[in-house]
PDB file of N, CA and C in Angstrom:
ATOM      1  N   MET A   1       5.931   4.130 -18.533  1.00  0.00           N
ATOM      2  CA  MET A   1       5.783   4.067 -16.835  1.00  0.00           C
ATOM      3  C   MET A   1       4.194   4.071 -16.356  1.00  0.00           C
ATOM      4  N   GLU A   2       3.692   3.453 -15.889  1.00  0.00           N
ATOM      5  CA  GLU A   2       2.459   3.191 -15.191  1.00  0.00           C
ATOM      6  C   GLU A   2       2.290   4.165 -13.961  1.00  0.00           C
ATOM      7  N   PHE A   3       1.262   4.968 -13.502  1.00  0.00           N
ATOM      8  CA  PHE A   3       1.098   5.466 -12.298  1.00  0.00           C
ATOM      9  C   PHE A   3      -0.373   4.950 -11.747  1.00  0.00           C
ATOM     10  N   LEU A   4      -0.090   4.321 -10.617  1.00  0.00           N
ATOM     11  CA  LEU A   4      -1.574   3.573  -9.835  1.00  0.00           C
ATOM     12  C   LEU A   4      -1.993   4.402  -9.005  1.00  0.00           C
ATOM     13  N   LEU A   5      -3.046   4.665  -9.071  1.00  0.00           N
ATOM     14  CA  LEU A   5      -3.771   5.481  -7.864  1.00  0.00           C
ATOM     15  C   LEU A   5      -4.549   4.579  -6.502  1.00  0.00           C
ATOM     16  N   GLY A   6      -4.167   5.157  -5.870  1.00  0.00           N
ATOM     17  CA  GLY A   6      -4.647   4.030  -4.405  1.00  0.00           C
ATOM     18  C   GLY A   6      -6.285   4.261  -4.155  1.00  0.00           C
ATOM     19  N   GLY A   7      -6.573   3.814  -3.221  1.00  0.00           N
ATOM     20  CA  GLY A   7      -8.017   3.752  -2.675  1.00  0.00           C
ATOM     21  C   GLY A   7      -8.334   2.156  -2.156  1.00  0.00           C
ATOM     22  N   PRO A   8      -9.314   1.949  -1.305  1.00  0.00           N
ATOM     23  CA  PRO A   8      -9.568   1.346  -0.455  1.00  0.00           C
ATOM     24  C   PRO A   8      -9.142  -0.350  -1.362  1.00  0.00           C
ATOM     25  N   LEU A   9      -9.738  -0.305  -2.642  1.00  0.00           N
ATOM     26  CA  LEU A   9      -9.593  -1.449  -3.325  1.00  0.00           C
ATOM     27  C   LEU A   9      -8.166  -1.694  -3.693  1.00  0.00           C
ATOM     28  N   MET A  10      -7.440  -0.856  -4.004  1.00  0.00           N
ATOM     29  CA  MET A  10      -6.154  -0.905  -4.297  1.00  0.00           C
ATOM     30  C   MET A  10      -5.382  -1.238  -3.339  1.00  0.00           C
ATOM     31  N   GLN A  11      -5.682  -0.898  -2.162  1.00  0.00           N
ATOM     32  CA  GLN A  11      -4.688  -1.215  -0.593  1.00  0.00           C
ATOM     33  C   GLN A  11      -4.913  -2.609  -0.322  1.00  0.00           C
ATOM     34  N   ARG A  12      -6.050  -3.167  -0.535  1.00  0.00           N
ATOM     35  CA  ARG A  12      -6.264  -4.460  -0.495  1.00  0.00           C
ATOM     36  C   ARG A  12      -5.511  -5.280  -1.488  1.00  0.00           C
ATOM     37  N   SER A  13      -5.034  -5.020  -2.714  1.00  0.00           N
ATOM     38  CA  SER A  13      -4.701  -5.753  -3.854  1.00  0.00           C
ATOM     39  C   SER A  13      -2.902  -5.098  -4.172  1.00  0.00           C
ATOM     40  N   PHE A  14      -2.307  -4.738  -3.120  1.00  0.00           N
ATOM     41  CA  PHE A  14      -1.205  -4.041  -3.479  1.00  0.00           C
ATOM     42  C   PHE A  14      -0.085  -5.135  -3.957  1.00  0.00           C
ATOM     43  N   GLU A  15      -0.244  -6.331  -3.177  1.00  0.00           N
ATOM     44  CA  GLU A  15       0.658  -7.219  -3.734  1.00  0.00           C
ATOM     45  C   GLU A  15       0.150  -8.169  -4.955  1.00  0.00           C
ATOM     46  N   ARG A  16      -0.973  -8.058  -5.284  1.00  0.00           N
ATOM     47  CA  ARG A  16      -1.185  -8.643  -6.613  1.00  0.00           C
ATOM     48  C   ARG A  16      -1.021  -7.597  -7.717  1.00  0.00           C
ATOM     49  N   THR A  17      -0.992  -6.218  -7.590  1.00  0.00           N
ATOM     50  CA  THR A  17      -0.879  -5.220  -8.600  1.00  0.00           C
ATOM     51  C   THR A  17       0.703  -5.364  -8.736  1.00  0.00           C
ATOM     52  N   VAL A  18       1.417  -5.344  -7.747  1.00  0.00           N
ATOM     53  CA  VAL A  18       3.012  -5.269  -7.826  1.00  0.00           C
ATOM     54  C   VAL A  18       3.506  -6.326  -8.585  1.00  0.00           C
ATOM     55  N   ALA A  19       3.006  -7.692  -8.063  1.00  0.00           N
ATOM     56  CA  ALA A  19       3.536  -8.522  -8.816  1.00  0.00           C
ATOM     57  C   ALA A  19       3.153  -8.681 -10.229  1.00  0.00           C
ATOM     58  N   PHE A  20       2.222  -8.445 -10.553  1.00  0.00           N
ATOM     59  CA  PHE A  20       1.806  -8.111 -12.196  1.00  0.00           C
ATOM     60  C   PHE A  20       2.689  -7.450 -12.686  1.00  0.00           C
ATOM     61  N   ALA A  21       2.914  -6.155 -12.026  1.00  0.00           N
ATOM     62  CA  ALA A  21       3.692  -5.099 -12.849  1.00  0.00           C
ATOM     63  C   ALA A  21       5.377  -5.653 -12.636  1.00  0.00           C
ATOM     64  N   ILE A  22       5.689  -6.560 -11.837  1.00  0.00           N
ATOM     65  CA  ILE A  22       7.196  -6.882 -11.902  1.00  0.00           C
ATOM     66  C   ILE A  22       7.181  -7.981 -13.184  1.00  0.00           C
ATOM     67  N   LYS A  23       6.107  -8.965 -13.221  1.00  0.00           N
ATOM     68  CA  LYS A  23       5.966 -10.088 -14.096  1.00  0.00           C
ATOM     69  C   LYS A  23       5.923  -9.668 -15.537  1.00  0.00           C
ATOM     70  N   SER A  24       5.219  -8.186 -15.381  1.00  0.00           N
ATOM     71  CA  SER A  24       5.168  -7.743 -16.899  1.00  0.00           C
ATOM     72  C   SER A  24       6.246  -6.453 -17.159  1.00  0.00           C
ATOM     73  N   ARG A  25       7.256  -6.511 -16.414  1.00  0.00           N
ATOM     74  CA  ARG A  25       8.229  -5.670 -16.599  1.00  0.00           C
ATOM     75  C   ARG A  25       8.055  -4.294 -16.829  1.00  0.00           C
ATOM     76  N   LEU A  26       6.999  -3.577 -15.816  1.00  0.00           N
ATOM     77  CA  LEU A  26       6.205  -2.444 -16.439  1.00  0.00           C
ATOM     78  C   LEU A  26       6.363  -1.600 -15.009  1.00  0.00           C
ATOM     79  N   PRO A  27       7.719  -0.474 -15.411  1.00  0.00           N
ATOM     80  CA  PRO A  27       7.901   0.401 -14.652  1.00  0.00           C
ATOM     81  C   PRO A  27       6.696   1.032 -14.101  1.00  0.00           C
ATOM     82  N   SER A  28       6.114   0.916 -12.557  1.00  0.00           N
ATOM     83  CA  SER A  28       5.250   1.623 -12.106  1.00  0.00           C
ATOM     84  C   SER A  28       5.526   2.470 -10.866  1.00  0.00           C
ATOM     85  N   MET A  29       4.776   3.242 -10.862  1.00  0.00           N
ATOM     86  CA  MET A  29       4.811   4.263  -9.587  1.00  0.00           C
ATOM     87  C   MET A  29       3.387   4.715  -9.074  1.00  0.00           C
ATOM     88  N   TYR A  30       3.552   4.901  -7.629  1.00  0.00           N
ATOM     89  CA  TYR A  30       2.473   4.496  -7.006  1.00  0.00           C
ATOM     90  C   TYR A  30       2.179   5.847  -6.038  1.00  0.00           C
ATOM     91  N   ASP A  31       0.851   6.082  -5.452  1.00  0.00           N
ATOM     92  CA  ASP A  31       0.312   7.336  -4.942  1.00  0.00           C
ATOM     93  C   ASP A  31       0.441   6.921  -3.413  1.00  0.00           C
ATOM     94  N   THR A  32       1.063   5.606  -3.153  1.00  0.00           N
ATOM     95  CA  THR A  32       1.186   5.389  -1.530  1.00  0.00           C
ATOM     96  C   THR A  32       2.484   4.639  -1.421  1.00  0.00           C
ATOM     97  N   ARG A  33       3.289   4.787  -0.095  1.00  0.00           N
ATOM     98  CA  ARG A  33       4.314   4.192  -0.248  1.00  0.00           C
ATOM     99  C   ARG A  33       4.293   2.833   0.669  1.00  0.00           C
ATOM    100  N   ASP A  34       3.055   2.472   0.971  1.00  0.00           N
ATOM    101  CA  ASP A  34       2.985   1.149   1.264  1.00  0.00           C
ATOM    102  C   ASP A  34       3.187  -0.177  -0.038  1.00  0.00           C
ATOM    103  N   ALA A  35       2.716   0.665  -0.947  1.00  0.00           N
ATOM    104  CA  ALA A  35       2.984  -0.424  -2.555  1.00  0.00           C
ATOM    105  C   ALA A  35       4.372  -0.648  -2.753  1.00  0.00           C
ATOM    106  N   VAL A  36       5.152   0.257  -2.533  1.00  0.00           N
ATOM    107  CA  VAL A  36       6.886   0.212  -2.673  1.00  0.00           C
ATOM    108  C   VAL A  36       7.364  -0.688  -1.629  1.00  0.00           C
ATOM    109  N   ASP A  37       6.966  -0.601  -0.390  1.00  0.00           N
ATOM    110  CA  ASP A  37       7.332  -1.486   0.772  1.00  0.00           C
ATOM    111  C   ASP A  37       7.143  -2.781   0.426  1.00  0.00           C
ATOM    112  N   VAL A  38       6.218  -3.045  -0.526  1.00  0.00           N
ATOM    113  CA  VAL A  38       5.965  -4.558  -0.825  1.00  0.00           C
ATOM    114  C   VAL A  38       6.379  -4.693  -2.250  1.00  0.00           C
ATOM    115  N   GLY A  39       7.241  -4.108  -2.849  1.00  0.00           N
ATOM    116  CA  GLY A  39       7.812  -4.517  -4.121  1.00  0.00           C
ATOM    117  C   GLY A  39       7.575  -3.395  -5.508  1.00  0.00           C
ATOM    118  N   GLY A  40       6.647  -2.404  -4.799  1.00  0.00           N
ATOM    119  CA  GLY A  40       6.435  -1.598  -6.114  1.00  0.00           C
ATOM    120  C   GLY A  40       8.005  -0.998  -6.541  1.00  0.00           C
ATOM    121  N   LEU A  41       7.886  -0.094  -7.684  1.00  0.00           N
ATOM    122  CA  LEU A  41       9.082   0.571  -7.958  1.00  0.00           C
ATOM    123  C   LEU A  41       9.292   1.938  -7.538  1.00  0.00           C
ATOM    124  N   MET A  42       8.465   2.790  -7.635  1.00  0.00           N
ATOM    125  CA  MET A  42       8.387   4.118  -7.064  1.00  0.00           C
ATOM    126  C   MET A  42       7.556   4.565  -6.145  1.00  0.00           C
ATOM    127  N   PHE A  43       7.502   5.592  -5.369  1.00  0.00           N
ATOM    128  CA  PHE A  43       6.414   6.246  -4.734  1.00  0.00           C
ATOM    129  C   PHE A  43       7.156   7.761  -4.808  1.00  0.00           C
ATOM    130  N   TYR A  44       6.422   8.786  -5.035  1.00  0.00           N
ATOM    131  CA  TYR A  44       6.541  10.472  -4.692  1.00  0.00           C
ATOM    132  C   TYR A  44       5.219  10.619  -4.341  1.00  0.00           C
ATOM    133  N   GLY A  45       4.999  11.264  -2.907  1.00  0.00           N
ATOM    134  CA  GLY A  45       4.026  12.043  -2.734  1.00  0.00           C
ATOM    135  C   GLY A  45       4.249  12.649  -1.364  1.00  0.00           C
ATOM    136  N   ALA A  46       2.737  13.248  -0.686  1.00  0.00           N
ATOM    137  CA  ALA A  46       2.993  13.885   0.257  1.00  0.00           C
ATOM    138  C   ALA A  46       3.412  12.684   1.576  1.00  0.00           C
ATOM    139  N   ASP A  47       4.073  13.456   2.339  1.00  0.00           N
ATOM    140  CA  ASP A  47       4.426  12.554   3.736  1.00  0.00           C
ATOM    141  C   ASP A  47       3.550  12.437   4.658  1.00  0.00           C
ATOM    142  N   VAL A  48       2.764  11.227   4.552  1.00  0.00           N
ATOM    143  CA  VAL A  48       1.432  11.101   5.261  1.00  0.00           C
ATOM    144  C   VAL A  48       1.635  11.308   6.954  1.00  0.00           C
ATOM    145  N   MET A  49       2.684  10.762   7.500  1.00  0.00           N
ATOM    146  CA  MET A  49       2.802  10.848   9.065  1.00  0.00           C
ATOM    147  C   MET A  49       3.085  12.564   9.382  1.00  0.00           C
ATOM    148  N   GLU A  50       3.375  13.310   8.254  1.00  0.00           N
ATOM    149  CA  GLU A  50       3.601  14.659   8.669  1.00  0.00           C
ATOM    150  C   GLU A  50       1.991  15.209   8.564  1.00  0.00           C
ATOM    151  N   MET A  51       1.572  14.780   7.510  1.00  0.00           N
ATOM    152  CA  MET A  51      -0.123  15.404   7.645  1.00  0.00           C
ATOM    153  C   MET A  51      -0.552  14.665   8.650  1.00  0.00           C
ATOM    154  N   TYR A  52      -0.681  13.611   9.263  1.00  0.00           N
ATOM    155  CA  TYR A  52      -1.175  13.199  10.680  1.00  0.00           C
ATOM    156  C   TYR A  52      -1.062  13.936  11.803  1.00  0.00           C
ATOM    157  N   GLU A  53       0.426  14.423  11.563  1.00  0.00           N
ATOM    158  CA  GLU A  53       0.759  15.495  12.775  1.00  0.00           C
ATOM    159  C   GLU A  53       0.060  16.831  12.750  1.00  0.00           C
ATOM    160  N   ARG A  54      -0.056  17.218  11.578  1.00  0.00           N
ATOM    161  CA  ARG A  54      -0.980  18.469  11.007  1.00  0.00           C
ATOM    162  C   ARG A  54      -1.912  18.372  11.552  1.00  0.00           C
ATOM    163  N   VAL A  55      -3.028  17.326  11.374  1.00  0.00           N
ATOM    164  CA  VAL A  55      -4.502  17.004  11.560  1.00  0.00           C
ATOM    165  C   VAL A  55      -4.443  17.080  13.272  1.00  0.00           C
ATOM    166  N   ALA A  56      -3.656  16.431  13.771  1.00  0.00           N
ATOM    167  CA  ALA A  56      -3.325  16.397  15.198  1.00  0.00           C
ATOM    168  C   ALA A  56      -3.403  17.739  15.929  1.00  0.00           C
ATOM    169  N   ALA A  57      -2.471  18.568  15.156  1.00  0.00           N
ATOM    170  CA  ALA A  57      -2.730  20.080  15.527  1.00  0.00           C
ATOM    171  C   ALA A  57      -3.941  20.762  15.416  1.00  0.00           C
ATOM    172  N   PHE A  58      -4.641  20.481  14.160  1.00  0.00           N
ATOM    173  CA  PHE A  58      -5.885  20.992  14.045  1.00  0.00           C
ATOM    174  C   PHE A  58      -7.090  20.650  15.043  1.00  0.00           C
ATOM    175  N   VAL A  59      -6.934  19.459  15.481  1.00  0.00           N
ATOM    176  CA  VAL A  59      -7.935  18.707  16.198  1.00  0.00           C
ATOM    177  C   VAL A  59      -7.821  19.233  17.928  1.00  0.00           C
ATOM    178  N   ASP A  60      -6.231  19.449  18.134  1.00  0.00           N
ATOM    179  CA  ASP A  60      -6.029  20.141  19.413  1.00  0.00           C
ATOM    180  C   ASP A  60      -6.622  21.453  19.615  1.00  0.00           C
ATOM    181  N   LYS A  61      -6.453  22.292  18.623  1.00  0.00           N
ATOM    182  CA  LYS A  61      -7.036  23.864  18.149  1.00  0.00           C
ATOM    183  C   LYS A  61      -8.351  23.679  18.727  1.00  0.00           C
ATOM    184  N   ILE A  62      -8.948  22.960  17.821  1.00  0.00           N
ATOM    185  CA  ILE A  62     -10.773  22.851  18.016  1.00  0.00           C
ATOM    186  C   ILE A  62     -10.857  22.240  19.507  1.00  0.00           C
ATOM    187  N   PHE A  63     -10.347  21.509  20.233  1.00  0.00           N
ATOM    188  CA  PHE A  63     -10.837  21.090  21.591  1.00  0.00           C
ATOM    189  C   PHE A  63     -10.489  22.294  22.369  1.00  0.00           C
ATOM    190  N   LYS A  64      -9.733  23.173  22.055  1.00  0.00           N
ATOM    191  CA  LYS A  64      -9.292  24.296  22.934  1.00  0.00           C
ATOM    192  C   LYS A  64     -10.252  25.633  22.657  1.00  0.00           C
ATOM    193  N   GLY A  65     -11.282  25.200  21.800  1.00  0.00           N
ATOM    194  CA  GLY A  65     -12.328  26.139  21.514  1.00  0.00           C
ATOM    195  C   GLY A  65     -12.400  27.095  20.132  1.00  0.00           C
ATOM    196  N   ARG A  66     -11.162  26.592  19.170  1.00  0.00           N
ATOM    197  CA  ARG A  66     -11.165  27.250  18.100  1.00  0.00           C
ATOM    198  C   ARG A  66     -12.404  26.557  17.386  1.00  0.00           C
ATOM    199  N   LYS A  67     -12.875  27.759  16.344  1.00  0.00           N
ATOM    200  CA  LYS A  67     -13.869  27.344  15.519  1.00  0.00           C
ATOM    201  C   LYS A  67     -12.933  26.890  14.340  1.00  0.00           C
ATOM    202  N   PRO A  68     -13.464  25.561  13.458  1.00  0.00           N
ATOM    203  CA  PRO A  68     -13.051  24.991  12.485  1.00  0.00           C
ATOM    204  C   PRO A  68     -13.020  25.829  11.448  1.00  0.00           C
ATOM    205  N   ALA A  69     -13.958  26.571  11.181  1.00  0.00           N
ATOM    206  CA  ALA A  69     -14.038  27.557  10.058  1.00  0.00           C
ATOM    207  C   ALA A  69     -13.221  28.747  10.230  1.00  0.00           C
ATOM    208  N   ASP A  70     -12.546  28.874  11.097  1.00  0.00           N
ATOM    209  CA  ASP A  70     -11.491  30.061  11.591  1.00  0.00           C
ATOM    210  C   ASP A  70     -10.049  29.428  11.229  1.00  0.00           C
ATOM    211  N   LEU A  71     -10.016  28.049  11.141  1.00  0.00           N
ATOM    212  CA  LEU A  71      -8.363  27.540  10.818  1.00  0.00           C
ATOM    213  C   LEU A  71      -8.149  27.761   9.482  1.00  0.00           C
ATOM    214  N   PRO A  72      -6.946  28.179   8.956  1.00  0.00           N
ATOM    215  CA  PRO A  72      -6.668  28.122   7.605  1.00  0.00           C
ATOM    216  C   PRO A  72      -6.703  26.590   7.048  1.00  0.00           C
ATOM    217  N   VAL A  73      -6.923  26.722   5.521  1.00  0.00           N
ATOM    218  CA  VAL A  73      -6.667  25.510   4.739  1.00  0.00           C
ATOM    219  C   VAL A  73      -5.170  25.328   4.386  1.00  0.00           C
ATOM    220  N   GLU A  74      -4.694  24.011   4.688  1.00  0.00           N
ATOM    221  CA  GLU A  74      -3.418  23.849   4.605  1.00  0.00           C
ATOM    222  C   GLU A  74      -3.215  22.966   3.538  1.00  0.00           C
ATOM    223  N   GLN A  75      -1.853  23.031   2.867  1.00  0.00           N
ATOM    224  CA  GLN A  75      -1.551  21.837   1.846  1.00  0.00           C
ATOM    225  C   GLN A  75      -0.200  21.132   2.487  1.00  0.00           C
ATOM    226  N   PRO A  76       0.005  19.845   1.900  1.00  0.00           N
ATOM    227  CA  PRO A  76       1.362  19.321   2.351  1.00  0.00           C
ATOM    228  C   PRO A  76       2.629  20.191   2.110  1.00  0.00           C
ATOM    229  N   THR A  77       3.529  20.159   2.894  1.00  0.00           N
ATOM    230  CA  THR A  77       4.704  20.894   2.928  1.00  0.00           C
ATOM    231  C   THR A  77       6.018  20.129   2.534  1.00  0.00           C
ATOM    232  N   LYS A  78       5.950  18.920   2.787  1.00  0.00           N
ATOM    233  CA  LYS A  78       6.818  17.589   3.233  1.00  0.00           C
ATOM    234  C   LYS A  78       6.608  16.569   2.018  1.00  0.00           C
ATOM    235  N   PHE A  79       7.434  16.287   1.130  1.00  0.00           N
ATOM    236  CA  PHE A  79       6.925  15.251   0.247  1.00  0.00           C
ATOM    237  C   PHE A  79       8.098  14.063   0.295  1.00  0.00           C
ATOM    238  N   GLU A  80       8.064  12.947   0.001  1.00  0.00           N
ATOM    239  CA  GLU A  80       8.935  11.771  -0.254  1.00  0.00           C
ATOM    240  C   GLU A  80       8.823  11.325  -1.537  1.00  0.00           C
ATOM    241  N   LEU A  81      10.622  11.185  -1.685  1.00  0.00           N
ATOM    242  CA  LEU A  81      10.606  10.034  -2.950  1.00  0.00           C
ATOM    243  C   LEU A  81      11.083   8.429  -2.408  1.00  0.00           C
ATOM    244  N   VAL A  82      10.468   7.863  -2.811  1.00  0.00           N
ATOM    245  CA  VAL A  82      10.937   6.228  -2.146  1.00  0.00           C
ATOM    246  C   VAL A  82      11.230   5.614  -3.653  1.00  0.00           C
ATOM    247  N   VAL A  83      12.404   4.854  -3.792  1.00  0.00           N
ATOM    248  CA  VAL A  83      12.821   4.137  -4.968  1.00  0.00           C
ATOM    249  C   VAL A  83      13.425   2.846  -4.421  1.00  0.00           C
ATOM    250  N   ASN A  84      12.587   1.525  -5.194  1.00  0.00           N
ATOM    251  CA  ASN A  84      12.824   0.557  -4.788  1.00  0.00           C
ATOM    252  C   ASN A  84      14.030  -0.213  -5.784  1.00  0.00           C
ATOM    253  N   LEU A  85      15.023  -0.365  -5.709  1.00  0.00           N
ATOM    254  CA  LEU A  85      16.121  -0.736  -6.705  1.00  0.00           C
ATOM    255  C   LEU A  85      16.140  -2.333  -6.729  1.00  0.00           C
ATOM    256  N   LYS A  86      15.509  -3.088  -5.799  1.00  0.00           N
ATOM    257  CA  LYS A  86      15.537  -4.555  -5.900  1.00  0.00           C
ATOM    258  C   LYS A  86      14.646  -4.807  -7.190  1.00  0.00           C
ATOM    259  N   THR A  87      13.403  -3.985  -6.903  1.00  0.00           N
ATOM    260  CA  THR A  87      12.562  -4.014  -8.153  1.00  0.00           C
ATOM    261  C   THR A  87      13.039  -3.687  -9.365  1.00  0.00           C
ATOM    262  N   ALA A  88      13.975  -2.461  -9.596  1.00  0.00           N
ATOM    263  CA  ALA A  88      14.351  -1.783 -10.862  1.00  0.00           C
ATOM    264  C   ALA A  88      15.144  -3.014 -11.234  1.00  0.00           C
ATOM    265  N   ASN A  89      16.071  -3.712 -10.606  1.00  0.00           N
ATOM    266  CA  ASN A  89      16.814  -4.499 -11.310  1.00  0.00           C
ATOM    267  C   ASN A  89      15.915  -5.819 -11.830  1.00  0.00           C
ATOM    268  N   GLN A  90      15.044  -6.487 -10.801  1.00  0.00           N
ATOM    269  CA  GLN A  90      14.099  -7.351 -11.521  1.00  0.00           C
ATOM    270  C   GLN A  90      13.652  -7.107 -12.851  1.00  0.00           C
ATOM    271  N   ILE A  91      13.163  -5.779 -13.105  1.00  0.00           N
ATOM    272  CA  ILE A  91      12.530  -5.389 -14.117  1.00  0.00           C
ATOM    273  C   ILE A  91      13.200  -4.877 -15.195  1.00  0.00           C
ATOM    274  N   GLY A  92      14.803  -4.826 -15.166  1.00  0.00           N
ATOM    275  CA  GLY A  92      15.529  -4.405 -15.833  1.00  0.00           C
ATOM    276  C   GLY A  92      15.540  -2.964 -16.446  1.00  0.00           C
ATOM    277  N   VAL A  93      15.159  -2.186 -15.137  1.00  0.00           N
ATOM    278  CA  VAL A  93      15.169  -0.284 -15.449  1.00  0.00           C
ATOM    279  C   VAL A  93      16.448   0.107 -14.415  1.00  0.00           C
ATOM    280  N   THR A  94      17.080   0.973 -15.063  1.00  0.00           N
ATOM    281  CA  THR A  94      18.141   1.496 -14.437  1.00  0.00           C
ATOM    282  C   THR A  94      17.999   2.787 -14.073  1.00  0.00           C
ATOM    283  N   ILE A  95      17.890   3.037 -12.199  1.00  0.00           N
ATOM    284  CA  ILE A  95      17.422   4.172 -11.798  1.00  0.00           C
ATOM    285  C   ILE A  95      19.018   5.335 -11.829  1.00  0.00           C
ATOM    286  N   PRO A  96      18.845   6.404 -12.303  1.00  0.00           N
ATOM    287  CA  PRO A  96      19.894   7.099 -12.414  1.00  0.00           C
ATOM    288  C   PRO A  96      20.653   7.507 -10.751  1.00  0.00           C
ATOM    289  N   PRO A  97      22.014   7.617 -10.735  1.00  0.00           N
ATOM    290  CA  PRO A  97      22.227   7.712  -9.617  1.00  0.00           C
ATOM    291  C   PRO A  97      21.946   9.208  -8.902  1.00  0.00           C
ATOM    292  N   GLU A  98      21.412  10.341  -9.761  1.00  0.00           N
ATOM    293  CA  GLU A  98      20.892  11.364  -9.348  1.00  0.00           C
ATOM    294  C   GLU A  98      19.605  11.399  -8.368  1.00  0.00           C
ATOM    295  N   VAL A  99      18.911  10.439  -9.290  1.00  0.00           N
ATOM    296  CA  VAL A  99      17.567  10.128  -8.798  1.00  0.00           C
ATOM    297  C   VAL A  99      17.644   9.351  -7.320  1.00  0.00           C
ATOM    298  N   GLN A 100      18.511   8.463  -7.164  1.00  0.00           N
ATOM    299  CA  GLN A 100      18.740   7.682  -5.829  1.00  0.00           C
ATOM    300  C   GLN A 100      19.262   8.583  -4.827  1.00  0.00           C
ATOM    301  N   ALA A 101      20.137   9.859  -5.262  1.00  0.00           N
ATOM    302  CA  ALA A 101      20.635  10.544  -4.066  1.00  0.00           C
ATOM    303  C   ALA A 101      19.488  11.493  -3.777  1.00  0.00           C
ATOM    304  N   ARG A 102      18.633  11.865  -4.496  1.00  0.00           N
ATOM    305  CA  ARG A 102      17.349  12.508  -4.124  1.00  0.00           C
ATOM    306  C   ARG A 102      16.659  11.871  -3.441  1.00  0.00           C
ATOM    307  N   ALA A 103      16.322  10.626  -3.503  1.00  0.00           N
ATOM    308  CA  ALA A 103      15.387   9.815  -2.751  1.00  0.00           C
ATOM    309  C   ALA A 103      15.622   9.969  -1.259  1.00  0.00           C
ATOM    310  N   ASP A 104      14.192   9.978  -0.567  1.00  0.00           N
ATOM    311  CA  ASP A 104      14.281  10.212   0.923  1.00  0.00           C
ATOM    312  C   ASP A 104      14.521   8.469   1.395  1.00  0.00           C
ATOM    313  N   LYS A 105      14.256   7.466   0.695  1.00  0.00           N
ATOM    314  CA  LYS A 105      14.550   6.077   0.963  1.00  0.00           C
ATOM    315  C   LYS A 105      14.923   5.341  -0.377  1.00  0.00           C
ATOM    316  N   VAL A 106      15.647   4.444  -0.292  1.00  0.00           N
ATOM    317  CA  VAL A 106      16.118   3.604  -1.286  1.00  0.00           C
ATOM    318  C   VAL A 106      16.171   2.308  -0.595  1.00  0.00           C
ATOM    319  N   ILE A 107      15.346   1.328  -1.119  1.00  0.00           N
ATOM    320  CA  ILE A 107      15.082  -0.011  -0.760  1.00  0.00           C
ATOM    321  C   ILE A 107      16.126  -0.806  -1.821  1.00  0.00           C
ATOM    322  N   LYS A 108      17.151  -1.452  -1.068  1.00  0.00           N
ATOM    323  CA  LYS A 108      18.227  -2.229  -1.852  1.00  0.00           C
ATOM    324  C   LYS A 108      17.819  -3.776  -1.771  1.00  0.00           C
TER     325      LYS A 108
END
């Protein structure tokens, strides 16, 4: 299995990267959900929307006068697992029912 890290360059070429992985029948895991939405096999990582909500709460506190240095450092607390069964079928990979049951989203 291959794990692909994102970044600006990768985000511009998800379609090409995913197409190559499918053509090569290469199980691939991505660090962003966007790649799975365009055909990548799996994503596991922090829930970005939840992190944006936390950022908004921090910005609100700063606008209300709190000093940024006084705010605690936080780590993500909510994570997502997204599995693309359509891609799994295309590359001949079986995703166990236990993994499917634990997934937050299963793309069929």
